[in-house]
C-alpha atoms as a PDB file:
ATOM      1  CA  UNK A   1     165.108 103.962  66.347  1.00  0.00           C
ATOM      2  CA  UNK A   2     166.138 107.466  65.290  1.00  0.00           C
ATOM      3  CA  UNK A   3     167.029 107.001  61.628  1.00  0.00           C
ATOM      4  CA  UNK A   4     166.615 104.740  58.602  1.00  0.00           C
ATOM      5  CA  UNK A   5     168.943 105.311  55.637  1.00  0.00           C
ATOM      6  CA  UNK A   6     167.544 103.804  52.428  1.00  0.00           C
ATOM      7  CA  UNK A   7     170.053 102.841  49.730  1.00  0.00           C
ATOM      8  CA  UNK A   8     168.717 101.473  46.404  1.00  0.00           C
ATOM      9  CA  UNK A   9     171.270  99.153  44.806  1.00  0.00           C
ATOM     10  CA  UNK A  10     171.496  98.321  41.104  1.00  0.00           C
ATOM     11  CA  UNK A  11     174.649  97.691  39.049  1.00  0.00           C
ATOM     12  CA  UNK A  12     176.998  99.726  41.252  1.00  0.00           C
ATOM     13  CA  UNK A  13     179.770  97.201  41.941  1.00  0.00           C
ATOM     14  CA  UNK A  14     182.629  99.750  41.763  1.00  0.00           C
ATOM     15  CA  UNK A  15     180.998 102.118  44.237  1.00  0.00           C
ATOM     16  CA  UNK A  16     178.833 100.145  46.670  1.00  0.00           C
ATOM     17  CA  UNK A  17     181.457  99.372  49.327  1.00  0.00           C
ATOM     18  CA  UNK A  18     182.632 102.997  49.301  1.00  0.00           C
ATOM     19  CA  UNK A  19     179.087 104.199  49.880  1.00  0.00           C
ATOM     20  CA  UNK A  20     178.313 101.775  52.710  1.00  0.00           C
ATOM     21  CA  UNK A  21     181.659 102.483  54.388  1.00  0.00           C
ATOM     22  CA  UNK A  22     180.664 106.151  54.617  1.00  0.00           C
ATOM     23  CA  UNK A  23     177.347 105.184  56.210  1.00  0.00           C
ATOM     24  CA  UNK A  24     178.996 102.900  58.756  1.00  0.00           C
ATOM     25  CA  UNK A  25     181.249 105.829  59.709  1.00  0.00           C
ATOM     26  CA  UNK A  26     178.302 108.056  60.704  1.00  0.00           C
ATOM     27  CA  UNK A  27     178.739 109.696  64.095  1.00  0.00           C
ATOM     28  CA  UNK A  28     175.057 109.409  65.013  1.00  0.00           C
ATOM     29  CA  UNK A  29     173.761 106.433  66.993  1.00  0.00           C
ATOM     30  CA  UNK A  30     170.695 104.215  66.819  1.00  0.00           C
ATOM     31  CA  UNK A  31     170.304 104.033  63.052  1.00  0.00           C
ATOM     32  CA  UNK A  32     169.861 101.383  60.375  1.00  0.00           C
ATOM     33  CA  UNK A  33     170.958 101.124  56.763  1.00  0.00           C
ATOM     34  CA  UNK A  34     168.542  99.423  54.375  1.00  0.00           C
ATOM     35  CA  UNK A  35     170.274  98.130  51.245  1.00  0.00           C
ATOM     36  CA  UNK A  36     167.552  97.475  48.683  1.00  0.00           C
ATOM     37  CA  UNK A  37     168.883  95.125  46.018  1.00  0.00           C
ATOM     38  CA  UNK A  38     166.643  95.941  43.056  1.00  0.00           C
ATOM     39  CA  UNK A  39     167.309  92.693  41.218  1.00  0.00           C
ATOM     40  CA  UNK A  40     170.836  93.747  40.317  1.00  0.00           C
ATOM     41  CA  UNK A  41     172.295  91.278  37.751  1.00  0.00           C
ATOM     42  CA  UNK A  42     175.913  91.677  38.900  1.00  0.00           C
ATOM     43  CA  UNK A  43     177.679  90.933  42.185  1.00  0.00           C
ATOM     44  CA  UNK A  44     175.835  93.644  44.123  1.00  0.00           C
ATOM     45  CA  UNK A  45     173.409  91.213  45.859  1.00  0.00           C
ATOM     46  CA  UNK A  46     176.365  89.183  47.174  1.00  0.00           C
ATOM     47  CA  UNK A  47     178.193  92.343  48.270  1.00  0.00           C
ATOM     48  CA  UNK A  48     175.084  93.514  50.132  1.00  0.00           C
ATOM     49  CA  UNK A  49     174.870  90.239  52.033  1.00  0.00           C
ATOM     50  CA  UNK A  50     178.576  90.336  52.845  1.00  0.00           C
ATOM     51  CA  UNK A  51     178.305  93.865  54.210  1.00  0.00           C
ATOM     52  CA  UNK A  52     175.230  92.989  56.275  1.00  0.00           C
ATOM     53  CA  UNK A  53     177.029  90.022  57.828  1.00  0.00           C
ATOM     54  CA  UNK A  54     179.603  92.377  59.342  1.00  0.00           C
ATOM     55  CA  UNK A  55     177.200  94.514  61.400  1.00  0.00           C
ATOM     56  CA  UNK A  56     173.715  94.544  62.875  1.00  0.00           C
ATOM     57  CA  UNK A  57     173.102  98.037  61.458  1.00  0.00           C
ATOM     58  CA  UNK A  58     172.712  96.845  57.867  1.00  0.00           C
ATOM     59  CA  UNK A  59     169.625  95.067  56.587  1.00  0.00           C
ATOM     60  CA  UNK A  60     169.244  93.797  53.032  1.00  0.00           C
ATOM     61  CA  UNK A  61     166.069  93.644  50.983  1.00  0.00           C
ATOM     62  CA  UNK A  62     166.264  91.523  47.825  1.00  0.00           C
ATOM     63  CA  UNK A  63     163.522  92.196  45.292  1.00  0.00           C
ATOM     64  CA  UNK A  64     162.769  91.812  41.611  1.00  0.00           C
ATOM     65  CA  UNK A  65     163.895  94.710  39.458  1.00  0.00           C
ATOM     66  CA  UNK A  66     161.328  97.494  39.494  1.00  0.00           C
ATOM     67  CA  UNK A  67     163.343 100.677  39.179  1.00  0.00           C
ATOM     68  CA  UNK A  68     164.567 103.323  41.593  1.00  0.00           C
ATOM     69  CA  UNK A  69     161.107 104.385  42.770  1.00  0.00           C
ATOM     70  CA  UNK A  70     160.119 100.808  43.540  1.00  0.00           C
ATOM     71  CA  UNK A  71     163.355 100.236  45.463  1.00  0.00           C
ATOM     72  CA  UNK A  72     162.915 103.356  47.558  1.00  0.00           C
ATOM     73  CA  UNK A  73     159.322 102.401  48.320  1.00  0.00           C
ATOM     74  CA  UNK A  74     160.460  98.962  49.487  1.00  0.00           C
ATOM     75  CA  UNK A  75     162.859 100.710  51.842  1.00  0.00           C
ATOM     76  CA  UNK A  76     160.139 103.046  53.107  1.00  0.00           C
ATOM     77  CA  UNK A  77     157.876 100.094  53.846  1.00  0.00           C
ATOM     78  CA  UNK A  78     160.565  98.345  55.900  1.00  0.00           C
ATOM     79  CA  UNK A  79     162.002 101.433  57.634  1.00  0.00           C
ATOM     80  CA  UNK A  80     161.746 101.623  61.428  1.00  0.00           C
ATOM     81  CA  UNK A  81     163.394 105.000  62.064  1.00  0.00           C
ATOM     82  CA  UNK A  82     161.633 108.173  63.150  1.00  0.00           C
ATOM     83  CA  UNK A  83     163.472 109.955  60.329  1.00  0.00           C
ATOM     84  CA  UNK A  84     164.191 108.805  56.784  1.00  0.00           C
ATOM     85  CA  UNK A  85     167.260 109.548  54.685  1.00  0.00           C
ATOM     86  CA  UNK A  86     168.039 108.452  51.135  1.00  0.00           C
ATOM     87  CA  UNK A  87     171.532 107.835  49.784  1.00  0.00           C
ATOM     88  CA  UNK A  88     172.393 106.803  46.231  1.00  0.00           C
ATOM     89  CA  UNK A  89     174.678 103.785  46.199  1.00  0.00           C
ATOM     90  CA  UNK A  90     177.391 105.454  44.104  1.00  0.00           C
ATOM     91  CA  UNK A  91     177.669 108.485  46.417  1.00  0.00           C
ATOM     92  CA  UNK A  92     179.232 109.198  49.813  1.00  0.00           C
ATOM     93  CA  UNK A  93     177.898 110.830  52.974  1.00  0.00           C
ATOM     94  CA  UNK A  94     180.158 112.930  55.209  1.00  0.00           C
ATOM     95  CA  UNK A  95     180.731 111.254  58.618  1.00  0.00           C
ATOM     96  CA  UNK A  96     178.662 113.836  60.499  1.00  0.00           C
ATOM     97  CA  UNK A  97     175.940 114.284  57.865  1.00  0.00           C
ATOM     98  CA  UNK A  98     173.093 112.522  59.606  1.00  0.00           C
ATOM     99  CA  UNK A  99     174.084 113.566  63.134  1.00  0.00           C
ATOM    100  CA  UNK A 100     173.873 117.214  62.081  1.00  0.00           C
ATOM    101  CA  UNK A 101     170.621 116.746  60.154  1.00  0.00           C
ATOM    102  CA  UNK A 102     168.995 114.793  62.981  1.00  0.00           C
ATOM    103  CA  UNK A 103     169.886 117.511  65.474  1.00  0.00           C
ATOM    104  CA  UNK A 104     168.399 120.168  63.187  1.00  0.00           C
ATOM    105  CA  UNK A 105     165.234 118.118  62.662  1.00  0.00           C
ATOM    106  CA  UNK A 106     164.672 117.431  66.349  1.00  0.00           C
ATOM    107  CA  UNK A 107     165.430 120.915  67.654  1.00  0.00           C
ATOM    108  CA  UNK A 108     163.299 122.662  65.002  1.00  0.00           C
ATOM    109  CA  UNK A 109     160.562 120.015  64.713  1.00  0.00           C
ATOM    110  CA  UNK A 110     161.009 120.251  60.940  1.00  0.00           C
ATOM    111  CA  UNK A 111     159.241 117.950  58.503  1.00  0.00           C
ATOM    112  CA  UNK A 112     162.147 118.272  56.057  1.00  0.00           C
ATOM    113  CA  UNK A 113     165.801 119.172  56.611  1.00  0.00           C
ATOM    114  CA  UNK A 114     168.030 119.926  53.614  1.00  0.00           C
ATOM    115  CA  UNK A 115     171.798 120.427  53.446  1.00  0.00           C
ATOM    116  CA  UNK A 116     173.997 121.541  50.575  1.00  0.00           C
ATOM    117  CA  UNK A 117     176.153 119.021  48.728  1.00  0.00           C
ATOM    118  CA  UNK A 118     179.492 118.616  46.990  1.00  0.00           C
ATOM    119  CA  UNK A 119     179.439 117.791  43.285  1.00  0.00           C
ATOM    120  CA  UNK A 120     182.455 115.619  42.483  1.00  0.00           C
ATOM    121  CA  UNK A 121     183.261 115.762  38.768  1.00  0.00           C
ATOM    122  CA  UNK A 122     184.897 112.929  36.844  1.00  0.00           C
ATOM    123  CA  UNK A 123     188.131 114.914  36.905  1.00  0.00           C
ATOM    124  CA  UNK A 124     188.047 114.818  40.711  1.00  0.00           C
ATOM    125  CA  UNK A 125     187.245 118.502  40.998  1.00  0.00           C
ATOM    126  CA  UNK A 126     184.880 119.281  43.862  1.00  0.00           C
ATOM    127  CA  UNK A 127     182.347 122.092  43.956  1.00  0.00           C
ATOM    128  CA  UNK A 128     179.915 123.128  46.686  1.00  0.00           C
ATOM    129  CA  UNK A 129     176.366 123.298  45.332  1.00  0.00           C
ATOM    130  CA  UNK A 130     174.198 125.760  47.217  1.00  0.00           C
ATOM    131  CA  UNK A 131     171.024 127.786  46.672  1.00  0.00           C
ATOM    132  CA  UNK A 132     169.819 131.375  47.011  1.00  0.00           C
ATOM    133  CA  UNK A 133     167.709 130.467  50.040  1.00  0.00           C
ATOM    134  CA  UNK A 134     168.668 131.875  53.433  1.00  0.00           C
ATOM    135  CA  UNK A 135     169.771 129.377  56.086  1.00  0.00           C
ATOM    136  CA  UNK A 136     167.667 128.255  59.017  1.00  0.00           C
ATOM    137  CA  UNK A 137     164.036 127.490  59.771  1.00  0.00           C
ATOM    138  CA  UNK A 138     161.137 128.153  57.394  1.00  0.00           C
ATOM    139  CA  UNK A 139     157.634 128.225  58.825  1.00  0.00           C
ATOM    140  CA  UNK A 140     154.653 127.579  56.542  1.00  0.00           C
ATOM    141  CA  UNK A 141     154.340 131.218  55.487  1.00  0.00           C
ATOM    142  CA  UNK A 142     158.041 131.216  54.553  1.00  0.00           C
ATOM    143  CA  UNK A 143     157.648 127.974  52.616  1.00  0.00           C
ATOM    144  CA  UNK A 144     154.818 129.472  50.584  1.00  0.00           C
ATOM    145  CA  UNK A 145     156.787 132.659  49.932  1.00  0.00           C
ATOM    146  CA  UNK A 146     160.190 131.207  49.139  1.00  0.00           C
ATOM    147  CA  UNK A 147     159.696 127.560  48.075  1.00  0.00           C
ATOM    148  CA  UNK A 148     156.331 127.482  46.331  1.00  0.00           C
ATOM    149  CA  UNK A 149     157.340 129.836  43.452  1.00  0.00           C
ATOM    150  CA  UNK A 150     159.746 127.168  42.108  1.00  0.00           C
ATOM    151  CA  UNK A 151     158.420 124.069  43.843  1.00  0.00           C
ATOM    152  CA  UNK A 152     157.815 122.229  40.553  1.00  0.00           C
ATOM    153  CA  UNK A 153     159.848 124.291  38.087  1.00  0.00           C
ATOM    154  CA  UNK A 154     161.460 127.730  38.150  1.00  0.00           C
ATOM    155  CA  UNK A 155     160.745 130.574  35.750  1.00  0.00           C
ATOM    156  CA  UNK A 156     164.294 130.155  34.432  1.00  0.00           C
ATOM    157  CA  UNK A 157     163.244 126.710  33.158  1.00  0.00           C
ATOM    158  CA  UNK A 158     165.251 124.896  35.802  1.00  0.00           C
ATOM    159  CA  UNK A 159     164.507 123.107  39.053  1.00  0.00           C
ATOM    160  CA  UNK A 160     163.991 124.983  42.273  1.00  0.00           C
ATOM    161  CA  UNK A 161     166.043 124.328  45.430  1.00  0.00           C
ATOM    162  CA  UNK A 162     163.889 121.482  46.738  1.00  0.00           C
ATOM    163  CA  UNK A 163     164.522 118.617  44.330  1.00  0.00           C
ATOM    164  CA  UNK A 164     166.855 115.741  45.179  1.00  0.00           C
ATOM    165  CA  UNK A 165     165.925 113.517  48.110  1.00  0.00           C
ATOM    166  CA  UNK A 166     169.485 112.373  48.785  1.00  0.00           C
ATOM    167  CA  UNK A 167     170.498 115.539  50.624  1.00  0.00           C
ATOM    168  CA  UNK A 168     167.270 115.768  52.603  1.00  0.00           C
ATOM    169  CA  UNK A 169     166.003 114.198  55.807  1.00  0.00           C
ATOM    170  CA  UNK A 170     162.278 113.506  56.291  1.00  0.00           C
ATOM    171  CA  UNK A 171     160.125 112.904  59.328  1.00  0.00           C
ATOM    172  CA  UNK A 172     158.559 109.457  58.884  1.00  0.00           C
ATOM    173  CA  UNK A 173     155.450 110.679  60.720  1.00  0.00           C
ATOM    174  CA  UNK A 174     155.162 113.471  58.147  1.00  0.00           C
ATOM    175  CA  UNK A 175     155.571 111.089  55.186  1.00  0.00           C
ATOM    176  CA  UNK A 176     152.943 108.726  56.607  1.00  0.00           C
ATOM    177  CA  UNK A 177     150.523 111.546  57.385  1.00  0.00           C
ATOM    178  CA  UNK A 178     150.356 112.606  53.733  1.00  0.00           C
ATOM    179  CA  UNK A 179     150.914 109.119  52.258  1.00  0.00           C
ATOM    180  CA  UNK A 180     154.048 110.301  50.474  1.00  0.00           C
ATOM    181  CA  UNK A 181     155.882 107.709  48.412  1.00  0.00           C
ATOM    182  CA  UNK A 182     157.435 107.365  44.974  1.00  0.00           C
ATOM    183  CA  UNK A 183     155.462 106.579  41.823  1.00  0.00           C
ATOM    184  CA  UNK A 184     156.502 103.066  40.767  1.00  0.00           C
ATOM    185  CA  UNK A 185     155.849 103.799  37.094  1.00  0.00           C
ATOM    186  CA  UNK A 186     158.199 106.809  37.074  1.00  0.00           C
ATOM    187  CA  UNK A 187     161.578 105.059  36.792  1.00  0.00           C
ATOM    188  CA  UNK A 188     163.719 108.218  36.648  1.00  0.00           C
ATOM    189  CA  UNK A 189     163.438 111.910  37.646  1.00  0.00           C
ATOM    190  CA  UNK A 190     161.200 110.538  40.388  1.00  0.00           C
ATOM    191  CA  UNK A 191     162.624 113.039  42.900  1.00  0.00           C
ATOM    192  CA  UNK A 192     160.812 115.855  41.104  1.00  0.00           C
ATOM    193  CA  UNK A 193     157.370 114.398  41.814  1.00  0.00           C
ATOM    194  CA  UNK A 194     158.098 113.249  45.375  1.00  0.00           C
ATOM    195  CA  UNK A 195     159.867 116.466  46.417  1.00  0.00           C
ATOM    196  CA  UNK A 196     157.139 118.698  45.022  1.00  0.00           C
ATOM    197  CA  UNK A 197     154.476 116.873  47.031  1.00  0.00           C
ATOM    198  CA  UNK A 198     156.618 116.813  50.180  1.00  0.00           C
ATOM    199  CA  UNK A 199     157.489 120.496  49.866  1.00  0.00           C
ATOM    200  CA  UNK A 200     153.857 121.402  49.371  1.00  0.00           C
ATOM    201  CA  UNK A 201     152.707 119.684  52.562  1.00  0.00           C
ATOM    202  CA  UNK A 202     155.661 120.593  54.795  1.00  0.00           C
ATOM    203  CA  UNK A 203     154.788 122.914  57.664  1.00  0.00           C
ATOM    204  CA  UNK A 204     158.381 123.419  58.827  1.00  0.00           C
ATOM    205  CA  UNK A 205     161.532 123.217  56.702  1.00  0.00           C
ATOM    206  CA  UNK A 206     165.127 123.657  57.876  1.00  0.00           C
ATOM    207  CA  UNK A 207     168.001 124.540  55.551  1.00  0.00           C
ATOM    208  CA  UNK A 208     171.635 123.806  56.476  1.00  0.00           C
ATOM    209  CA  UNK A 209     173.131 126.282  54.047  1.00  0.00           C
ATOM    210  CA  UNK A 210     176.810 126.018  53.015  1.00  0.00           C
ATOM    211  CA  UNK A 211     177.125 122.634  54.708  1.00  0.00           C
ATOM    212  CA  UNK A 212     178.207 120.254  51.932  1.00  0.00           C
ATOM    213  CA  UNK A 213     177.462 117.047  53.821  1.00  0.00           C
ATOM    214  CA  UNK A 214     176.720 114.847  50.803  1.00  0.00           C
ATOM    215  CA  UNK A 215     179.153 113.953  48.023  1.00  0.00           C
ATOM    216  CA  UNK A 216     177.418 113.527  44.677  1.00  0.00           C
ATOM    217  CA  UNK A 217     179.657 111.759  42.179  1.00  0.00           C
ATOM    218  CA  UNK A 218     179.304 112.375  38.461  1.00  0.00           C
ATOM    219  CA  UNK A 219     179.562 108.798  37.261  1.00  0.00           C
ATOM    220  CA  UNK A 220     179.234 107.676  33.613  1.00  0.00           C
ATOM    221  CA  UNK A 221     175.951 106.256  32.351  1.00  0.00           C
ATOM    222  CA  UNK A 222     173.674 108.053  34.810  1.00  0.00           C
ATOM    223  CA  UNK A 223     170.150 109.122  33.896  1.00  0.00           C
ATOM    224  CA  UNK A 224     171.184 112.769  33.894  1.00  0.00           C
ATOM    225  CA  UNK A 225     173.730 112.129  31.136  1.00  0.00           C
ATOM    226  CA  UNK A 226     171.545 109.947  28.932  1.00  0.00           C
ATOM    227  CA  UNK A 227     168.015 109.675  27.584  1.00  0.00           C
ATOM    228  CA  UNK A 228     166.554 106.174  28.076  1.00  0.00           C
ATOM    229  CA  UNK A 229     164.126 104.715  25.506  1.00  0.00           C
ATOM    230  CA  UNK A 230     160.565 105.893  26.106  1.00  0.00           C
ATOM    231  CA  UNK A 231     161.724 108.860  28.186  1.00  0.00           C
ATOM    232  CA  UNK A 232     159.220 111.298  26.677  1.00  0.00           C
ATOM    233  CA  UNK A 233     156.281 109.061  27.609  1.00  0.00           C
ATOM    234  CA  UNK A 234     157.594 108.802  31.183  1.00  0.00           C
ATOM    235  CA  UNK A 235     157.978 112.572  31.465  1.00  0.00           C
ATOM    236  CA  UNK A 236     154.457 113.143  30.108  1.00  0.00           C
ATOM    237  CA  UNK A 237     153.109 110.684  32.677  1.00  0.00           C
ATOM    238  CA  UNK A 238     154.944 112.483  35.482  1.00  0.00           C
ATOM    239  CA  UNK A 239     153.531 115.804  34.309  1.00  0.00           C
ATOM    240  CA  UNK A 240     150.007 114.343  34.382  1.00  0.00           C
ATOM    241  CA  UNK A 241     150.572 113.193  37.958  1.00  0.00           C
ATOM    242  CA  UNK A 242     151.671 116.701  38.881  1.00  0.00           C
ATOM    243  CA  UNK A 243     148.672 118.216  37.106  1.00  0.00           C
ATOM    244  CA  UNK A 244     146.292 115.937  38.979  1.00  0.00           C
ATOM    245  CA  UNK A 245     147.971 116.848  42.272  1.00  0.00           C
ATOM    246  CA  UNK A 246     148.521 120.581  41.851  1.00  0.00           C
ATOM    247  CA  UNK A 247     146.202 122.019  39.191  1.00  0.00           C
ATOM    248  CA  UNK A 248     143.312 122.770  41.471  1.00  0.00           C
ATOM    249  CA  UNK A 249     145.055 123.818  44.677  1.00  0.00           C
ATOM    250  CA  UNK A 250     143.233 126.809  46.153  1.00  0.00           C
ATOM    251  CA  UNK A 251     146.135 128.148  48.236  1.00  0.00           C
ATOM    252  CA  UNK A 252     148.589 128.652  45.364  1.00  0.00           C
ATOM    253  CA  UNK A 253     148.452 128.769  41.563  1.00  0.00           C
ATOM    254  CA  UNK A 254     150.891 126.168  40.172  1.00  0.00           C
ATOM    255  CA  UNK A 255     149.584 126.159  36.582  1.00  0.00           C
ATOM    256  CA  UNK A 256     152.489 128.164  35.155  1.00  0.00           C
ATOM    257  CA  UNK A 257     155.008 125.824  36.801  1.00  0.00           C
ATOM    258  CA  UNK A 258     153.221 122.803  35.355  1.00  0.00           C
ATOM    259  CA  UNK A 259     153.624 124.269  31.868  1.00  0.00           C
ATOM    260  CA  UNK A 260     157.283 125.031  32.471  1.00  0.00           C
ATOM    261  CA  UNK A 261     157.791 121.506  33.805  1.00  0.00           C
ATOM    262  CA  UNK A 262     156.516 119.884  30.621  1.00  0.00           C
ATOM    263  CA  UNK A 263     158.519 122.316  28.483  1.00  0.00           C
ATOM    264  CA  UNK A 264     161.692 121.557  30.449  1.00  0.00           C
ATOM    265  CA  UNK A 265     161.415 117.844  29.713  1.00  0.00           C
ATOM    266  CA  UNK A 266     160.475 118.429  26.097  1.00  0.00           C
ATOM    267  CA  UNK A 267     163.702 120.423  25.716  1.00  0.00           C
ATOM    268  CA  UNK A 268     165.643 117.739  27.584  1.00  0.00           C
ATOM    269  CA  UNK A 269     164.441 114.920  25.326  1.00  0.00           C
ATOM    270  CA  UNK A 270     165.036 116.953  22.170  1.00  0.00           C
ATOM    271  CA  UNK A 271     168.592 117.860  23.211  1.00  0.00           C
ATOM    272  CA  UNK A 272     169.432 114.293  24.207  1.00  0.00           C
ATOM    273  CA  UNK A 273     167.827 112.441  21.291  1.00  0.00           C
ATOM    274  CA  UNK A 274     168.737 114.807  18.418  1.00  0.00           C
ATOM    275  CA  UNK A 275     166.797 112.568  16.020  1.00  0.00           C
ATOM    276  CA  UNK A 276     164.239 114.150  13.708  1.00  0.00           C
ATOM    277  CA  UNK A 277     161.586 111.462  14.274  1.00  0.00           C
ATOM    278  CA  UNK A 278     161.812 111.860  18.053  1.00  0.00           C
ATOM    279  CA  UNK A 279     161.780 115.659  17.815  1.00  0.00           C
ATOM    280  CA  UNK A 280     158.715 115.554  15.573  1.00  0.00           C
ATOM    281  CA  UNK A 281     156.944 113.301  18.073  1.00  0.00           C
ATOM    282  CA  UNK A 282     157.603 115.731  20.939  1.00  0.00           C
ATOM    283  CA  UNK A 283     156.562 118.777  18.915  1.00  0.00           C
ATOM    284  CA  UNK A 284     153.415 117.027  17.668  1.00  0.00           C
ATOM    285  CA  UNK A 285     152.358 116.277  21.242  1.00  0.00           C
ATOM    286  CA  UNK A 286     152.900 119.903  22.273  1.00  0.00           C
ATOM    287  CA  UNK A 287     151.017 121.157  19.216  1.00  0.00           C
ATOM    288  CA  UNK A 288     148.054 118.808  19.742  1.00  0.00           C
ATOM    289  CA  UNK A 289     147.846 119.973  23.367  1.00  0.00           C
ATOM    290  CA  UNK A 290     147.832 123.620  22.162  1.00  0.00           C
ATOM    291  CA  UNK A 291     150.749 124.096  24.504  1.00  0.00           C
ATOM    292  CA  UNK A 292     152.075 127.317  22.994  1.00  0.00           C
ATOM    293  CA  UNK A 293     148.657 129.001  22.705  1.00  0.00           C
ATOM    294  CA  UNK A 294     148.850 132.129  24.876  1.00  0.00           C
ATOM    295  CA  UNK A 295     152.068 130.810  26.423  1.00  0.00           C
ATOM    296  CA  UNK A 296     154.471 133.440  27.769  1.00  0.00           C
ATOM    297  CA  UNK A 297     158.048 132.470  26.991  1.00  0.00           C
ATOM    298  CA  UNK A 298     160.340 132.197  30.047  1.00  0.00           C
ATOM    299  CA  UNK A 299     163.332 134.461  30.564  1.00  0.00           C
ATOM    300  CA  UNK A 300     166.135 132.168  29.439  1.00  0.00           C
ATOM    301  CA  UNK A 301     169.379 132.318  27.472  1.00  0.00           C
ATOM    302  CA  UNK A 302     169.483 133.352  23.824  1.00  0.00           C
ATOM    303  CA  UNK A 303     170.324 129.835  22.697  1.00  0.00           C
ATOM    304  CA  UNK A 304     167.348 128.395  24.545  1.00  0.00           C
ATOM    305  CA  UNK A 305     165.067 131.174  23.289  1.00  0.00           C
ATOM    306  CA  UNK A 306     165.976 130.186  19.741  1.00  0.00           C
ATOM    307  CA  UNK A 307     165.248 126.542  20.499  1.00  0.00           C
ATOM    308  CA  UNK A 308     161.863 127.425  22.046  1.00  0.00           C
ATOM    309  CA  UNK A 309     160.961 129.585  19.037  1.00  0.00           C
ATOM    310  CA  UNK A 310     161.764 126.679  16.726  1.00  0.00           C
ATOM    311  CA  UNK A 311     159.742 124.323  18.915  1.00  0.00           C
ATOM    312  CA  UNK A 312     156.766 126.669  18.904  1.00  0.00           C
ATOM    313  CA  UNK A 313     156.818 126.829  15.094  1.00  0.00           C
ATOM    314  CA  UNK A 314     157.245 123.053  14.675  1.00  0.00           C
ATOM    315  CA  UNK A 315     160.702 123.325  13.080  1.00  0.00           C
ATOM    316  CA  UNK A 316     161.772 119.736  13.648  1.00  0.00           C
ATOM    317  CA  UNK A 317     164.216 119.606  10.730  1.00  0.00           C
ATOM    318  CA  UNK A 318     165.913 122.811  11.811  1.00  0.00           C
ATOM    319  CA  UNK A 319     166.235 121.602  15.390  1.00  0.00           C
ATOM    320  CA  UNK A 320     167.721 118.344  14.159  1.00  0.00           C
ATOM    321  CA  UNK A 321     170.237 120.280  12.083  1.00  0.00           C
ATOM    322  CA  UNK A 322     171.272 122.629  14.891  1.00  0.00           C
ATOM    323  CA  UNK A 323     171.465 120.038  17.639  1.00  0.00           C
ATOM    324  CA  UNK A 324     173.390 117.679  15.405  1.00  0.00           C
ATOM    325  CA  UNK A 325     176.280 120.131  15.348  1.00  0.00           C
ATOM    326  CA  UNK A 326     178.671 120.688  18.240  1.00  0.00           C
ATOM    327  CA  UNK A 327     176.678 121.501  21.398  1.00  0.00           C
ATOM    328  CA  UNK A 328     179.581 123.573  22.752  1.00  0.00           C
ATOM    329  CA  UNK A 329     179.246 126.418  20.244  1.00  0.00           C
ATOM    330  CA  UNK A 330     178.712 129.873  21.642  1.00  0.00           C
ATOM    331  CA  UNK A 331     175.370 131.634  21.348  1.00  0.00           C
ATOM    332  CA  UNK A 332     176.868 134.031  18.821  1.00  0.00           C
ATOM    333  CA  UNK A 333     178.128 131.161  16.678  1.00  0.00           C
ATOM    334  CA  UNK A 334     174.659 129.603  16.796  1.00  0.00           C
ATOM    335  CA  UNK A 335     173.000 132.831  15.648  1.00  0.00           C
ATOM    336  CA  UNK A 336     175.544 133.284  12.864  1.00  0.00           C
ATOM    337  CA  UNK A 337     174.859 129.724  11.716  1.00  0.00           C
ATOM    338  CA  UNK A 338     171.140 130.455  11.519  1.00  0.00           C
ATOM    339  CA  UNK A 339     171.700 133.608   9.474  1.00  0.00           C
ATOM    340  CA  UNK A 340     174.445 132.188   7.265  1.00  0.00           C
ATOM    341  CA  UNK A 341     172.542 129.070   6.301  1.00  0.00           C
ATOM    342  CA  UNK A 342     169.171 130.828   6.021  1.00  0.00           C
ATOM    343  CA  UNK A 343     167.977 128.072   8.261  1.00  0.00           C
ATOM    344  CA  UNK A 344     164.510 129.393   9.058  1.00  0.00           C
ATOM    345  CA  UNK A 345     163.452 128.588   5.485  1.00  0.00           C
ATOM    346  CA  UNK A 346     164.007 124.896   6.272  1.00  0.00           C
ATOM    347  CA  UNK A 347     161.314 124.741   8.974  1.00  0.00           C
END
């Protein structure tokens, strides 16, 4: 079998049929769709079974709830295809997505193939999301030169190009060779850990630039628009996994990226929570780890520079005050607020 498409399913009743319809419309042949019901408490398990009854291409795995990583791993264990694709159950694949990616993978013998994607906003507006990378094949030397510098986290305190698994195709032989799977105890942002390890080991990578073959829908209540309880502990655990995996690599120095990775998630939790107790907890952890000792600040926006300065100096009350106001204020308005209210004296 050429391809296995793994689709984790959990509480996506409004979107599941739309997603599977797009997968059944794929122009490639000899593929399977694995719907992994992750103990969904709604009608999704029934919908999965109904969809599977209509075609031999769909197989359903029912399991107890374990999170997105656990669901994807269950799909990996059951997959029979030579290549593995992942699709989120509230998104849509273009009809020729996997035919094009399979052709690129086979002709280039690539371990990973990545396409661009379309971000579909809640308003219905569509925008092609692309990267600064050139199109085409990357040999190992190219991967080290162009992907490694932001494999875990970029100097601009944002992800590099190789992050989300849902617009990538992977050789199953490659995944098995390096025992690549998802960490079951990382229930969200799990792509970051998996993609960093996959990108590190890949010998050949192919980029289908400007080909928006995947439609990513901005749906309400997603992880990217919320901060689940215990998020900071999860992000610290993920950073420890990355440290254990990358800290002592002899072929490339990832230590700066590991610092930026932890700082990124500290900023994320602080911006999402906006509660003084939570902010103090994050800042205390960074202080106890001597995080800012000899740390070179990244080249980021003025607003973020101010936030990082306040974090470095343990200004939890000030951060709570600033983040509690409208997040849409301009940088100039933020600076004026700091000066006008003499806010630095409140640290």
